[in-house]
Protein backbone atom coordinates (compact mmCIF):
# COMPACT_ATOMS: atom_id res chain seq x y z
CA MET A 1 -0.27 0.09 -0.14
CA THR A 2 1.39 3.50 -0.92
CA LYS A 3 2.35 5.61 1.99
CA GLN A 4 0.37 8.83 2.49
CA HIS A 5 2.17 12.23 3.18
CA ALA A 6 1.90 13.32 6.67
CA ILE A 7 1.53 17.02 5.58
CA PRO A 8 -0.03 19.49 5.40
CA LYS A 9 -1.06 19.10 9.23
CA THR A 10 -3.50 22.21 8.80
CA ARG A 11 -6.25 21.45 6.00
CA ASN A 12 -8.82 23.74 4.93
CA LEU A 13 -10.77 22.73 1.81
CA VAL A 14 -11.07 25.63 -0.59
CA SER A 15 -13.57 26.08 -3.23
CA GLU A 16 -13.30 24.39 -6.82
CA GLU A 17 -12.48 28.03 -8.06
CA ARG A 18 -9.60 28.61 -5.92
CA GLN A 19 -8.16 24.91 -6.84
CA GLN A 20 -8.38 25.62 -10.49
CA ALA A 21 -6.96 29.25 -9.98
CA ILE A 22 -3.79 27.55 -8.07
CA ARG A 23 -3.15 24.77 -10.64
CA GLU A 24 -3.18 27.35 -13.56
CA ALA A 25 -0.84 29.53 -11.76
CA VAL A 26 1.65 26.71 -11.33
CA GLN A 27 0.92 25.57 -14.95
CA ARG A 28 1.93 28.92 -16.25
CA CYS A 29 4.90 29.53 -14.12
CA ARG A 30 8.10 30.61 -15.52
CA GLY A 31 10.07 30.90 -12.37
CA ILE A 32 10.62 33.53 -9.80
CA PRO A 33 11.61 36.99 -11.17
CA GLN A 34 15.10 37.96 -10.42
CA LEU A 35 15.80 34.57 -8.48
CA SER A 36 14.98 31.61 -10.71
CA ARG A 37 13.42 29.77 -13.79
CA VAL A 38 11.51 26.74 -14.33
CA VAL A 39 13.67 23.66 -15.05
CA THR A 40 13.96 22.01 -18.60
CA GLU A 41 15.09 18.65 -19.48
CA ASP A 42 18.72 20.53 -20.48
CA ASP A 43 19.35 21.35 -16.99
CA VAL A 44 20.19 17.66 -16.14
CA HIS A 45 24.05 18.47 -16.27
CA ARG A 46 23.50 21.53 -14.04
CA LEU A 47 21.47 19.86 -11.35
CA THR A 48 23.50 16.38 -11.25
CA ASP A 49 26.60 18.72 -10.53
CA LEU A 50 24.63 20.55 -7.94
CA PHE A 51 23.11 17.30 -6.30
CA SER A 52 26.36 15.60 -6.39
CA ASP A 53 27.70 17.39 -3.47
CA PRO A 54 26.41 15.19 -0.35
CA SER A 55 26.55 17.94 2.04
CA LEU A 56 23.94 19.49 0.01
CA SER A 57 21.90 16.49 -1.10
CA ALA A 58 21.96 14.11 1.70
CA PRO A 59 19.79 15.86 3.97
CA ILE A 60 16.96 16.42 1.65
CA TYR A 61 14.68 13.46 1.48
CA THR A 62 13.21 14.11 -1.49
CA LEU A 63 16.31 13.53 -3.67
CA PRO A 64 17.01 10.75 -5.74
CA THR A 65 19.03 8.45 -3.31
CA VAL A 66 21.76 7.71 -6.04
CA ILE A 67 22.61 10.84 -7.68
CA ASN A 68 23.57 10.60 -11.44
CA HIS A 69 22.46 11.73 -14.85
CA GLU A 70 19.79 9.28 -15.41
CA THR A 71 18.00 9.56 -11.60
CA VAL A 72 18.54 13.32 -12.05
CA ALA A 73 16.58 13.24 -15.45
CA ALA A 74 14.00 11.24 -14.15
CA PHE A 75 13.75 13.69 -10.92
CA ILE A 76 13.07 16.59 -13.59
CA ASP A 77 10.90 14.72 -15.82
CA LYS A 78 8.57 13.94 -12.85
CA HIS A 79 8.57 17.28 -11.81
CA LEU A 80 7.63 18.84 -15.49
CA ALA A 81 4.96 16.22 -15.05
CA GLU A 82 3.56 17.61 -11.72
CA GLN A 83 3.73 21.17 -13.23
CA ARG A 84 1.62 20.12 -16.09
CA LEU A 85 -1.03 18.84 -13.86
CA GLY A 86 -0.90 22.05 -11.30
CA LYS A 87 0.98 20.22 -8.60
CA GLY A 88 4.36 21.02 -8.60
CA LEU A 89 7.45 23.12 -9.36
CA LEU A 90 10.98 22.52 -10.04
CA MET A 91 13.37 25.80 -10.44
CA ILE A 92 16.67 26.22 -10.55
CA ASN A 93 19.10 29.42 -10.34
CA VAL A 94 22.40 29.53 -12.26
CA ASP A 95 25.44 31.92 -11.95
CA ASP A 96 27.65 33.80 -14.67
CA ASN A 97 29.24 30.75 -15.50
CA ASP A 98 26.19 28.75 -16.10
CA ARG A 99 26.58 26.60 -13.12
CA ALA A 100 23.52 26.01 -10.65
CA VAL A 101 23.83 28.10 -7.55
CA GLY A 102 20.73 26.52 -6.09
CA TYR A 103 17.29 25.09 -6.56
CA TYR A 104 13.67 25.01 -5.50
CA ASP A 105 11.34 22.42 -5.45
CA VAL A 106 7.57 23.04 -4.47
CA GLN A 107 4.98 20.63 -3.88
CA VAL A 108 1.23 22.04 -4.15
CA TRP A 109 -2.10 20.70 -3.08
CA PRO A 110 -4.47 22.74 -4.54
CA GLN A 111 -7.36 21.47 -2.76
CA TRP A 112 -6.20 23.01 0.64
CA ALA A 113 -4.37 25.98 -0.91
CA ALA A 114 -1.07 24.61 0.36
CA CYS A 115 2.15 23.94 -0.54
CA GLU A 116 5.73 22.75 0.54
CA LEU A 117 8.86 24.51 -0.16
CA GLY A 118 12.06 22.60 -0.35
CA GLY A 119 16.05 23.65 -1.98
CA ALA A 120 19.40 24.43 -1.34
CA ILE A 121 21.85 26.63 -2.28
CA ARG A 122 25.51 25.56 -3.17
CA GLY A 123 27.87 25.67 -0.25
CA ASP A 124 30.24 28.30 -1.80
CA ARG A 125 26.90 30.58 -1.32
CA GLN A 126 26.14 29.89 2.12
CA ASN A 127 26.52 32.39 5.03
CA SER A 128 26.23 35.06 2.57
CA GLY A 129 23.16 36.23 3.51
CA GLN A 130 21.42 35.00 -0.02
CA GLY A 131 19.86 31.95 1.60
CA SER A 132 17.67 34.28 4.00
CA ALA A 133 16.99 36.84 1.25
CA GLY A 134 16.05 34.10 -1.38
CA ALA A 135 13.71 32.36 1.16
CA LEU A 136 11.96 35.81 1.75
CA THR A 137 11.23 36.42 -1.76
CA THR A 138 10.27 33.15 -2.24
CA PHE A 139 7.80 32.97 0.61
CA ASN A 140 6.28 36.15 -0.90
CA TRP A 141 5.98 34.86 -4.55
CA LEU A 142 4.51 31.60 -2.92
CA PHE A 143 1.56 33.63 -1.36
CA ASP A 144 1.20 36.32 -3.87
CA ALA A 145 2.00 34.53 -7.37
CA LEU A 146 0.33 31.00 -6.73
CA GLY A 147 -2.06 31.92 -4.46
CA VAL A 148 -1.57 29.53 -1.35
CA ASP A 149 -2.96 30.27 1.71
CA LEU A 150 -0.31 27.92 3.81
CA ILE A 151 3.36 27.10 3.24
CA CYS A 152 5.17 23.75 4.76
CA GLU A 153 8.54 23.23 5.68
CA THR A 154 10.28 20.25 6.73
CA ALA A 155 13.89 19.70 7.27
CA ALA A 156 16.20 16.59 8.76
CA LEU A 157 16.23 16.27 12.41
CA ASP A 158 19.96 17.41 12.59
CA ASN A 159 19.60 20.02 10.20
CA ILE A 160 19.96 23.21 12.56
CA ARG A 161 20.60 25.50 9.76
CA THR A 162 17.31 25.15 8.22
CA ALA A 163 15.55 25.20 11.74
CA ARG A 164 17.09 28.48 12.80
CA LEU A 165 16.36 30.12 9.52
CA LEU A 166 12.60 29.18 9.77
CA GLU A 167 12.26 30.22 13.23
CA ARG A 168 14.04 33.30 12.89
CA ILE A 169 11.53 34.19 9.81
CA GLY A 170 8.59 33.41 12.33
CA PHE A 171 7.22 29.70 11.05
CA LYS A 172 5.46 27.76 13.74
CA TYR A 173 6.98 24.50 14.58
CA MET A 174 4.60 21.93 14.79
CA GLY A 175 6.61 18.99 16.00
CA GLU A 176 8.23 15.63 14.08
CA ILE A 177 6.43 14.03 11.16
CA GLU A 178 7.59 10.76 9.01
CA SER A 179 8.58 12.10 5.70
CA VAL A 180 7.83 9.87 2.85
CA LEU A 181 11.21 8.93 0.67
CA PRO A 182 11.46 8.60 -3.00
CA ASP A 183 11.92 4.70 -2.80
CA GLY A 184 8.65 4.64 -0.16
CA GLY A 185 10.45 4.51 2.88
CA THR A 186 10.40 7.02 5.66
CA ARG A 187 12.51 9.59 7.46
CA PRO A 188 12.00 11.73 10.65
CA SER A 189 11.71 15.14 10.12
CA ARG A 190 11.09 18.28 12.01
CA TYR A 191 7.94 20.28 10.44
CA TRP A 192 6.90 24.03 10.42
CA GLU A 193 4.01 25.92 8.87
CA MET A 194 3.07 29.72 8.06
CA SER A 195 -0.39 30.86 6.97
CA LYS A 196 -0.68 33.70 4.55
CA GLN A 197 -2.43 35.86 7.52
CA ASP A 198 0.79 35.23 9.94
CA TRP A 199 3.05 35.96 7.00
CA VAL A 200 1.27 39.19 6.22
CA GLU A 201 1.47 40.15 9.95
CA GLN A 202 5.15 38.90 10.22
CA MET A 203 6.18 41.29 7.14
CA SER A 204 4.05 44.13 8.48
CA LYS A 205 6.13 44.00 11.52
CA ARG A 206 9.57 43.70 9.95
CA ASP A 207 8.54 46.78 7.94
CA ALA A 208 7.48 48.76 10.94
CA THR A 209 11.08 48.07 12.29
CA LYS A 210 12.92 49.51 9.19
């Protein structure tokens, strides 16, 4: 029997009109302005190079267990199929040398107006402020461009960097879950949520202190 995802924990069914609007927003997406673009089949070598760093890929449960050209090509194909259905996105950010700097993996549940954001940035770009800035831009974009009401985040139990970032931004920690791996197995993960209402309040407070 197929294992079911434990997320999102908060599930508020929205109207068929809202669901369709979210699907269409996902389907027509071309990327996040000034930050990333939707992947194509030509990005296999870029993502293979990025994912080949185990310090980046090992903590991320949604990535293939084995990283090579074939598994990454299948990973891309799966996400392109999800985008056609309005249920997922895979985006990439490249540098001036045409190398992948990072990627964004979005799982969308239109029926609950919710999504999960995953991804990572290259090691040499960490601790530069780019991760935090990119996260804020991406969260804003998910709420505004896709029209979701809820963003979910998960992280491995020992992923302190992500936990600190999410808690600093204001995500609500909701305990541990069992994340479903691509091979059907499970992995314990820490879990957070942010509603659109809470996000607007967080941004208002941030703007007031500038």
